[in-house]
Amino acid sequence: MLRPLLLCLTFSCLPLPLLFATPETVPLPQSQVVSLFDGKSLAGWKGDPKYWRFENGMIVGGSLQETVPHNTFLFSEREASHFIL
């Protein structure tokens, strides 16, 4: 009885290191860093302006006047191949 319990506990703990793993990143030279958000407007972004806005230097989604009836998304008009969120 003890042997199956130990096996179960051993295998259930195997994924734990994956929860705390962080990908290695290589810093890019400043000349290669491109910001997707200018911090001033939604220029370069597509989305329903009824639910997406620029406010206090941030992109804000949602509505304070009504319930948003369905999911809505904001996406960049630019392509990205290597990025950090």
PDB file of N, CA and C in Angstrom:
ATOM      1  N   MET A   1       0.824  -1.205   0.000  1.00  0.00           N
ATOM      2  CA  MET A   1       0.000   0.000   0.000  1.00  0.00           C
ATOM      3  C   MET A   1       0.868   1.270   0.000  1.00  0.00           C
ATOM      4  N   LEU A   2       1.950   1.245   0.744  1.00  0.00           N
ATOM      5  CA  LEU A   2       2.820   2.406   0.843  1.00  0.00           C
ATOM      6  C   LEU A   2       3.570   2.668  -0.462  1.00  0.00           C
ATOM      7  N   ARG A   3       3.950   1.604  -1.159  1.00  0.00           N
ATOM      8  CA  ARG A   3       4.709   1.736  -2.405  1.00  0.00           C
ATOM      9  C   ARG A   3       3.915   2.502  -3.482  1.00  0.00           C
ATOM     10  N   PRO A   4       2.645   2.162  -3.762  1.00  0.00           N
ATOM     11  CA  PRO A   4       1.884   2.934  -4.760  1.00  0.00           C
ATOM     12  C   PRO A   4       1.713   4.392  -4.359  1.00  0.00           C
ATOM     13  N   LEU A   5       1.552   4.634  -3.064  1.00  0.00           N
ATOM     14  CA  LEU A   5       1.399   6.004  -2.583  1.00  0.00           C
ATOM     15  C   LEU A   5       2.680   6.801  -2.832  1.00  0.00           C
ATOM     16  N   LEU A   6       3.836   6.210  -2.563  1.00  0.00           N
ATOM     17  CA  LEU A   6       5.106   6.888  -2.801  1.00  0.00           C
ATOM     18  C   LEU A   6       5.325   7.154  -4.287  1.00  0.00           C
ATOM     19  N   LEU A   7       4.980   6.192  -5.126  1.00  0.00           N
ATOM     20  CA  LEU A   7       5.104   6.393  -6.566  1.00  0.00           C
ATOM     21  C   LEU A   7       4.213   7.535  -7.038  1.00  0.00           C
ATOM     22  N   CYS A   8       3.000   7.545  -6.533  1.00  0.00           N
ATOM     23  CA  CYS A   8       2.057   8.600  -6.909  1.00  0.00           C
ATOM     24  C   CYS A   8       2.578   9.969  -6.486  1.00  0.00           C
ATOM     25  N   LEU A   9       3.069  10.084  -5.277  1.00  0.00           N
ATOM     26  CA  LEU A   9       3.605  11.359  -4.786  1.00  0.00           C
ATOM     27  C   LEU A   9       4.838  11.783  -5.570  1.00  0.00           C
ATOM     28  N   THR A  10       5.697  10.822  -5.913  1.00  0.00           N
ATOM     29  CA  THR A  10       6.905  11.125  -6.670  1.00  0.00           C
ATOM     30  C   THR A  10       6.562  11.696  -8.036  1.00  0.00           C
ATOM     31  N   PHE A  11       5.654  11.048  -8.748  1.00  0.00           N
ATOM     32  CA  PHE A  11       5.307  11.502 -10.092  1.00  0.00           C
ATOM     33  C   PHE A  11       4.447  12.760 -10.081  1.00  0.00           C
ATOM     34  N   SER A  12       3.693  12.989  -9.021  1.00  0.00           N
ATOM     35  CA  SER A  12       2.883  14.204  -8.971  1.00  0.00           C
ATOM     36  C   SER A  12       3.740  15.436  -8.714  1.00  0.00           C
ATOM     37  N   CYS A  13       4.941  15.265  -8.151  1.00  0.00           N
ATOM     38  CA  CYS A  13       5.823  16.396  -7.872  1.00  0.00           C
ATOM     39  C   CYS A  13       6.759  16.713  -9.036  1.00  0.00           C
ATOM     40  N   LEU A  14       6.826  15.862 -10.035  1.00  0.00           N
ATOM     41  CA  LEU A  14       7.732  16.105 -11.156  1.00  0.00           C
ATOM     42  C   LEU A  14       7.473  17.418 -11.883  1.00  0.00           C
ATOM     43  N   PRO A  15       6.223  17.820 -12.135  1.00  0.00           N
ATOM     44  CA  PRO A  15       6.001  19.070 -12.874  1.00  0.00           C
ATOM     45  C   PRO A  15       6.300  20.342 -12.083  1.00  0.00           C
ATOM     46  N   LEU A  16       6.517  20.264 -10.783  1.00  0.00           N
ATOM     47  CA  LEU A  16       6.729  21.466  -9.976  1.00  0.00           C
ATOM     48  C   LEU A  16       7.849  22.369 -10.499  1.00  0.00           C
ATOM     49  N   PRO A  17       9.008  21.840 -10.878  1.00  0.00           N
ATOM     50  CA  PRO A  17      10.042  22.744 -11.404  1.00  0.00           C
ATOM     51  C   PRO A  17       9.591  23.498 -12.646  1.00  0.00           C
ATOM     52  N   LEU A  18       8.701  22.927 -13.422  1.00  0.00           N
ATOM     53  CA  LEU A  18       8.217  23.611 -14.621  1.00  0.00           C
ATOM     54  C   LEU A  18       7.405  24.854 -14.276  1.00  0.00           C
ATOM     55  N   LEU A  19       6.745  24.843 -13.127  1.00  0.00           N
ATOM     56  CA  LEU A  19       5.960  26.003 -12.712  1.00  0.00           C
ATOM     57  C   LEU A  19       6.834  27.209 -12.411  1.00  0.00           C
ATOM     58  N   PHE A  20       8.062  26.961 -12.001  1.00  0.00           N
ATOM     59  CA  PHE A  20       8.954  28.044 -11.598  1.00  0.00           C
ATOM     60  C   PHE A  20      10.047  28.323 -12.625  1.00  0.00           C
ATOM     61  N   ALA A  21      10.021  27.615 -13.731  1.00  0.00           N
ATOM     62  CA  ALA A  21      11.034  27.826 -14.767  1.00  0.00           C
ATOM     63  C   ALA A  21      10.781  29.140 -15.494  1.00  0.00           C
ATOM     64  N   THR A  22      11.839  29.826 -15.823  1.00  0.00           N
ATOM     65  CA  THR A  22      11.731  31.053 -16.609  1.00  0.00           C
ATOM     66  C   THR A  22      12.580  30.907 -17.860  1.00  0.00           C
ATOM     67  N   PRO A  23      12.080  31.366 -18.982  1.00  0.00           N
ATOM     68  CA  PRO A  23      12.879  31.244 -20.202  1.00  0.00           C
ATOM     69  C   PRO A  23      14.096  32.151 -20.141  1.00  0.00           C
ATOM     70  N   GLU A  24      15.166  31.682 -20.707  1.00  0.00           N
ATOM     71  CA  GLU A  24      16.362  32.518 -20.786  1.00  0.00           C
ATOM     72  C   GLU A  24      16.156  33.536 -21.892  1.00  0.00           C
ATOM     73  N   THR A  25      16.448  34.773 -21.597  1.00  0.00           N
ATOM     74  CA  THR A  25      16.323  35.810 -22.603  1.00  0.00           C
ATOM     75  C   THR A  25      17.678  36.446 -22.841  1.00  0.00           C
ATOM     76  N   VAL A  26      17.912  36.765 -24.055  1.00  0.00           N
ATOM     77  CA  VAL A  26      19.144  37.447 -24.431  1.00  0.00           C
ATOM     78  C   VAL A  26      18.789  38.900 -24.687  1.00  0.00           C
ATOM     79  N   PRO A  27      19.373  39.831 -23.930  1.00  0.00           N
ATOM     80  CA  PRO A  27      19.032  41.239 -24.135  1.00  0.00           C
ATOM     81  C   PRO A  27      19.402  41.694 -25.550  1.00  0.00           C
ATOM     82  N   LEU A  28      18.502  42.426 -26.162  1.00  0.00           N
ATOM     83  CA  LEU A  28      18.765  42.974 -27.490  1.00  0.00           C
ATOM     84  C   LEU A  28      19.449  44.331 -27.345  1.00  0.00           C
ATOM     85  N   PRO A  29      20.282  44.678 -28.298  1.00  0.00           N
ATOM     86  CA  PRO A  29      20.831  46.039 -28.289  1.00  0.00           C
ATOM     87  C   PRO A  29      19.689  47.046 -28.373  1.00  0.00           C
ATOM     88  N   GLN A  30      19.820  48.174 -27.713  1.00  0.00           N
ATOM     89  CA  GLN A  30      18.755  49.174 -27.671  1.00  0.00           C
ATOM     90  C   GLN A  30      18.301  49.584 -29.068  1.00  0.00           C
ATOM     91  N   SER A  31      19.182  49.537 -30.041  1.00  0.00           N
ATOM     92  CA  SER A  31      18.823  49.925 -31.406  1.00  0.00           C
ATOM     93  C   SER A  31      17.846  48.942 -32.049  1.00  0.00           C
ATOM     94  N   GLN A  32      17.732  47.721 -31.504  1.00  0.00           N
ATOM     95  CA  GLN A  32      16.825  46.721 -32.057  1.00  0.00           C
ATOM     96  C   GLN A  32      15.510  46.623 -31.299  1.00  0.00           C
ATOM     97  N   VAL A  33      15.375  47.336 -30.203  1.00  0.00           N
ATOM     98  CA  VAL A  33      14.149  47.294 -29.410  1.00  0.00           C
ATOM     99  C   VAL A  33      13.104  48.196 -30.051  1.00  0.00           C
ATOM    100  N   VAL A  34      11.916  47.660 -30.272  1.00  0.00           N
ATOM    101  CA  VAL A  34      10.825  48.413 -30.892  1.00  0.00           C
ATOM    102  C   VAL A  34       9.625  48.359 -29.956  1.00  0.00           C
ATOM    103  N   SER A  35       9.125  49.505 -29.562  1.00  0.00           N
ATOM    104  CA  SER A  35       7.944  49.563 -28.709  1.00  0.00           C
ATOM    105  C   SER A  35       6.694  49.453 -29.574  1.00  0.00           C
ATOM    106  N   LEU A  36       5.745  48.641 -29.145  1.00  0.00           N
ATOM    107  CA  LEU A  36       4.496  48.492 -29.885  1.00  0.00           C
ATOM    108  C   LEU A  36       3.475  49.566 -29.515  1.00  0.00           C
ATOM    109  N   PHE A  37       3.696  50.253 -28.415  1.00  0.00           N
ATOM    110  CA  PHE A  37       2.748  51.257 -27.927  1.00  0.00           C
ATOM    111  C   PHE A  37       3.486  52.565 -27.713  1.00  0.00           C
ATOM    112  N   ASP A  38       2.984  53.635 -28.315  1.00  0.00           N
ATOM    113  CA  ASP A  38       3.664  54.930 -28.216  1.00  0.00           C
ATOM    114  C   ASP A  38       3.388  55.658 -26.899  1.00  0.00           C
ATOM    115  N   GLY A  39       2.471  55.138 -26.081  1.00  0.00           N
ATOM    116  CA  GLY A  39       2.160  55.756 -24.792  1.00  0.00           C
ATOM    117  C   GLY A  39       1.316  57.006 -24.892  1.00  0.00           C
ATOM    118  N   LYS A  40       0.844  57.349 -26.112  1.00  0.00           N
ATOM    119  CA  LYS A  40       0.079  58.578 -26.320  1.00  0.00           C
ATOM    120  C   LYS A  40      -1.268  58.343 -26.995  1.00  0.00           C
ATOM    121  N   SER A  41      -1.383  57.243 -27.752  1.00  0.00           N
ATOM    122  CA  SER A  41      -2.605  57.014 -28.531  1.00  0.00           C
ATOM    123  C   SER A  41      -2.715  55.529 -28.880  1.00  0.00           C
ATOM    124  N   LEU A  42      -3.748  55.187 -29.603  1.00  0.00           N
ATOM    125  CA  LEU A  42      -3.910  53.817 -30.076  1.00  0.00           C
ATOM    126  C   LEU A  42      -3.441  53.682 -31.523  1.00  0.00           C
ATOM    127  N   ALA A  43      -2.572  54.584 -31.959  1.00  0.00           N
ATOM    128  CA  ALA A  43      -2.021  54.514 -33.312  1.00  0.00           C
ATOM    129  C   ALA A  43      -1.294  53.185 -33.485  1.00  0.00           C
ATOM    130  N   GLY A  44      -1.570  52.483 -34.583  1.00  0.00           N
ATOM    131  CA  GLY A  44      -0.938  51.197 -34.848  1.00  0.00           C
ATOM    132  C   GLY A  44      -1.691  50.017 -34.269  1.00  0.00           C
ATOM    133  N   TRP A  45      -2.861  50.280 -33.691  1.00  0.00           N
ATOM    134  CA  TRP A  45      -3.672  49.227 -33.095  1.00  0.00           C
ATOM    135  C   TRP A  45      -5.045  49.192 -33.747  1.00  0.00           C
ATOM    136  N   LYS A  46      -5.617  48.002 -33.845  1.00  0.00           N
ATOM    137  CA  LYS A  46      -6.968  47.842 -34.381  1.00  0.00           C
ATOM    138  C   LYS A  46      -7.857  47.237 -33.302  1.00  0.00           C
ATOM    139  N   GLY A  47      -9.028  47.786 -33.180  1.00  0.00           N
ATOM    140  CA  GLY A  47     -10.001  47.290 -32.212  1.00  0.00           C
ATOM    141  C   GLY A  47     -11.214  48.191 -32.228  1.00  0.00           C
ATOM    142  N   ASP A  48     -12.281  47.748 -31.627  1.00  0.00           N
ATOM    143  CA  ASP A  48     -13.514  48.531 -31.574  1.00  0.00           C
ATOM    144  C   ASP A  48     -13.309  49.720 -30.629  1.00  0.00           C
ATOM    145  N   PRO A  49     -13.306  50.953 -31.159  1.00  0.00           N
ATOM    146  CA  PRO A  49     -13.068  52.122 -30.313  1.00  0.00           C
ATOM    147  C   PRO A  49     -14.158  52.336 -29.259  1.00  0.00           C
ATOM    148  N   LYS A  50     -15.266  51.647 -29.404  1.00  0.00           N
ATOM    149  CA  LYS A  50     -16.328  51.723 -28.396  1.00  0.00           C
ATOM    150  C   LYS A  50     -15.861  51.087 -27.079  1.00  0.00           C
ATOM    151  N   TYR A  51     -14.937  50.111 -27.182  1.00  0.00           N
ATOM    152  CA  TYR A  51     -14.501  49.392 -25.989  1.00  0.00           C
ATOM    153  C   TYR A  51     -13.018  49.530 -25.670  1.00  0.00           C
ATOM    154  N   TRP A  52     -12.220  50.075 -26.589  1.00  0.00           N
ATOM    155  CA  TRP A  52     -10.794  50.239 -26.364  1.00  0.00           C
ATOM    156  C   TRP A  52     -10.429  51.714 -26.413  1.00  0.00           C
ATOM    157  N   ARG A  53      -9.627  52.160 -25.451  1.00  0.00           N
ATOM    158  CA  ARG A  53      -9.260  53.573 -25.401  1.00  0.00           C
ATOM    159  C   ARG A  53      -7.880  53.735 -24.762  1.00  0.00           C
ATOM    160  N   PHE A  54      -7.335  54.906 -24.929  1.00  0.00           N
ATOM    161  CA  PHE A  54      -6.080  55.295 -24.315  1.00  0.00           C
ATOM    162  C   PHE A  54      -6.429  56.149 -23.106  1.00  0.00           C
ATOM    163  N   GLU A  55      -5.848  55.836 -21.962  1.00  0.00           N
ATOM    164  CA  GLU A  55      -6.172  56.581 -20.739  1.00  0.00           C
ATOM    165  C   GLU A  55      -4.963  56.587 -19.800  1.00  0.00           C
ATOM    166  N   ASN A  56      -4.501  57.754 -19.415  1.00  0.00           N
ATOM    167  CA  ASN A  56      -3.382  57.897 -18.471  1.00  0.00           C
ATOM    168  C   ASN A  56      -2.149  57.093 -18.879  1.00  0.00           C
ATOM    169  N   GLY A  57      -1.809  57.123 -20.165  1.00  0.00           N
ATOM    170  CA  GLY A  57      -0.623  56.436 -20.646  1.00  0.00           C
ATOM    171  C   GLY A  57      -0.772  54.927 -20.800  1.00  0.00           C
ATOM    172  N   MET A  58      -2.016  54.435 -20.685  1.00  0.00           N
ATOM    173  CA  MET A  58      -2.254  52.992 -20.773  1.00  0.00           C
ATOM    174  C   MET A  58      -3.361  52.680 -21.762  1.00  0.00           C
ATOM    175  N   ILE A  59      -3.345  51.458 -22.268  1.00  0.00           N
ATOM    176  CA  ILE A  59      -4.431  50.957 -23.095  1.00  0.00           C
ATOM    177  C   ILE A  59      -5.457  50.345 -22.143  1.00  0.00           C
ATOM    178  N   VAL A  60      -6.715  50.779 -22.284  1.00  0.00           N
ATOM    179  CA  VAL A  60      -7.784  50.323 -21.396  1.00  0.00           C
ATOM    180  C   VAL A  60      -8.888  49.709 -22.246  1.00  0.00           C
ATOM    181  N   GLY A  61      -9.411  48.570 -21.802  1.00  0.00           N
ATOM    182  CA  GLY A  61     -10.502  47.923 -22.506  1.00  0.00           C
ATOM    183  C   GLY A  61     -11.712  47.787 -21.604  1.00  0.00           C
ATOM    184  N   GLY A  62     -12.897  47.892 -22.204  1.00  0.00           N
ATOM    185  CA  GLY A  62     -14.130  47.733 -21.452  1.00  0.00           C
ATOM    186  C   GLY A  62     -14.989  48.973 -21.554  1.00  0.00           C
ATOM    187  N   SER A  63     -16.070  48.966 -20.801  1.00  0.00           N
ATOM    188  CA  SER A  63     -16.986  50.093 -20.803  1.00  0.00           C
ATOM    189  C   SER A  63     -17.533  50.301 -19.400  1.00  0.00           C
ATOM    190  N   LEU A  64     -17.636  51.556 -18.994  1.00  0.00           N
ATOM    191  CA  LEU A  64     -18.233  51.875 -17.704  1.00  0.00           C
ATOM    192  C   LEU A  64     -19.715  52.215 -17.848  1.00  0.00           C
ATOM    193  N   GLN A  65     -20.186  52.380 -19.084  1.00  0.00           N
ATOM    194  CA  GLN A  65     -21.574  52.747 -19.333  1.00  0.00           C
ATOM    195  C   GLN A  65     -22.474  51.550 -19.607  1.00  0.00           C
ATOM    196  N   GLU A  66     -21.915  50.481 -20.155  1.00  0.00           N
ATOM    197  CA  GLU A  66     -22.736  49.336 -20.534  1.00  0.00           C
ATOM    198  C   GLU A  66     -21.945  48.041 -20.380  1.00  0.00           C
ATOM    199  N   THR A  67     -22.656  46.928 -20.351  1.00  0.00           N
ATOM    200  CA  THR A  67     -22.019  45.621 -20.320  1.00  0.00           C
ATOM    201  C   THR A  67     -21.510  45.304 -21.716  1.00  0.00           C
ATOM    202  N   VAL A  68     -20.288  44.865 -21.804  1.00  0.00           N
ATOM    203  CA  VAL A  68     -19.731  44.479 -23.101  1.00  0.00           C
ATOM    204  C   VAL A  68     -20.424  43.181 -23.509  1.00  0.00           C
ATOM    205  N   PRO A  69     -21.131  43.171 -24.655  1.00  0.00           N
ATOM    206  CA  PRO A  69     -21.975  42.032 -25.005  1.00  0.00           C
ATOM    207  C   PRO A  69     -21.215  40.781 -25.451  1.00  0.00           C
ATOM    208  N   HIS A  70     -19.964  40.933 -25.838  1.00  0.00           N
ATOM    209  CA  HIS A  70     -19.184  39.787 -26.327  1.00  0.00           C
ATOM    210  C   HIS A  70     -17.707  40.116 -26.202  1.00  0.00           C
ATOM    211  N   ASN A  71     -16.860  39.102 -26.360  1.00  0.00           N
ATOM    212  CA  ASN A  71     -15.415  39.345 -26.330  1.00  0.00           C
ATOM    213  C   ASN A  71     -15.027  40.283 -27.458  1.00  0.00           C
ATOM    214  N   THR A  72     -14.139  41.164 -27.163  1.00  0.00           N
ATOM    215  CA  THR A  72     -13.601  42.059 -28.185  1.00  0.00           C
ATOM    216  C   THR A  72     -12.087  42.120 -27.993  1.00  0.00           C
ATOM    217  N   PHE A  73     -11.374  42.276 -29.071  1.00  0.00           N
ATOM    218  CA  PHE A  73      -9.922  42.196 -29.005  1.00  0.00           C
ATOM    219  C   PHE A  73      -9.274  43.422 -29.615  1.00  0.00           C
ATOM    220  N   LEU A  74      -8.106  43.716 -29.119  1.00  0.00           N
ATOM    221  CA  LEU A  74      -7.271  44.782 -29.653  1.00  0.00           C
ATOM    222  C   LEU A  74      -6.004  44.111 -30.150  1.00  0.00           C
ATOM    223  N   PHE A  75      -5.591  44.426 -31.368  1.00  0.00           N
ATOM    224  CA  PHE A  75      -4.382  43.806 -31.875  1.00  0.00           C
ATOM    225  C   PHE A  75      -3.556  44.812 -32.651  1.00  0.00           C
ATOM    226  N   SER A  76      -2.261  44.542 -32.668  1.00  0.00           N
ATOM    227  CA  SER A  76      -1.319  45.425 -33.336  1.00  0.00           C
ATOM    228  C   SER A  76      -1.388  45.229 -34.840  1.00  0.00           C
ATOM    229  N   GLU A  77      -1.196  46.309 -35.568  1.00  0.00           N
ATOM    230  CA  GLU A  77      -1.131  46.230 -37.029  1.00  0.00           C
ATOM    231  C   GLU A  77       0.246  45.768 -37.489  1.00  0.00           C
ATOM    232  N   ARG A  78       1.200  45.723 -36.566  1.00  0.00           N
ATOM    233  CA  ARG A  78       2.562  45.314 -36.900  1.00  0.00           C
ATOM    234  C   ARG A  78       2.735  43.818 -36.669  1.00  0.00           C
ATOM    235  N   GLU A  79       3.669  43.233 -37.407  1.00  0.00           N
ATOM    236  CA  GLU A  79       4.037  41.847 -37.187  1.00  0.00           C
ATOM    237  C   GLU A  79       5.181  41.797 -36.189  1.00  0.00           C
ATOM    238  N   ALA A  80       5.187  40.765 -35.365  1.00  0.00           N
ATOM    239  CA  ALA A  80       6.245  40.601 -34.388  1.00  0.00           C
ATOM    240  C   ALA A  80       6.730  39.165 -34.429  1.00  0.00           C
ATOM    241  N   SER A  81       8.033  38.991 -34.311  1.00  0.00           N
ATOM    242  CA  SER A  81       8.560  37.624 -34.321  1.00  0.00           C
ATOM    243  C   SER A  81       9.277  37.285 -33.024  1.00  0.00           C
ATOM    244  N   HIS A  82       9.770  38.267 -32.312  1.00  0.00           N
ATOM    245  CA  HIS A  82      10.472  38.044 -31.056  1.00  0.00           C
ATOM    246  C   HIS A  82      10.017  39.163 -30.120  1.00  0.00           C
ATOM    247  N   PHE A  83       9.278  38.798 -29.076  1.00  0.00           N
ATOM    248  CA  PHE A  83       8.782  39.847 -28.206  1.00  0.00           C
ATOM    249  C   PHE A  83       8.707  39.388 -26.766  1.00  0.00           C
ATOM    250  N   ILE A  84       8.696  40.344 -25.879  1.00  0.00           N
ATOM    251  CA  ILE A  84       8.588  40.108 -24.440  1.00  0.00           C
ATOM    252  C   ILE A  84       7.406  40.926 -23.944  1.00  0.00           C
ATOM    253  N   LEU A  85       6.500  40.266 -23.238  1.00  0.00           N
ATOM    254  CA  LEU A  85       5.335  40.965 -22.678  1.00  0.00           C
ATOM    255  C   LEU A  85       5.655  41.478 -21.297  1.00  0.00           C
TER     256      LEU A  85
END
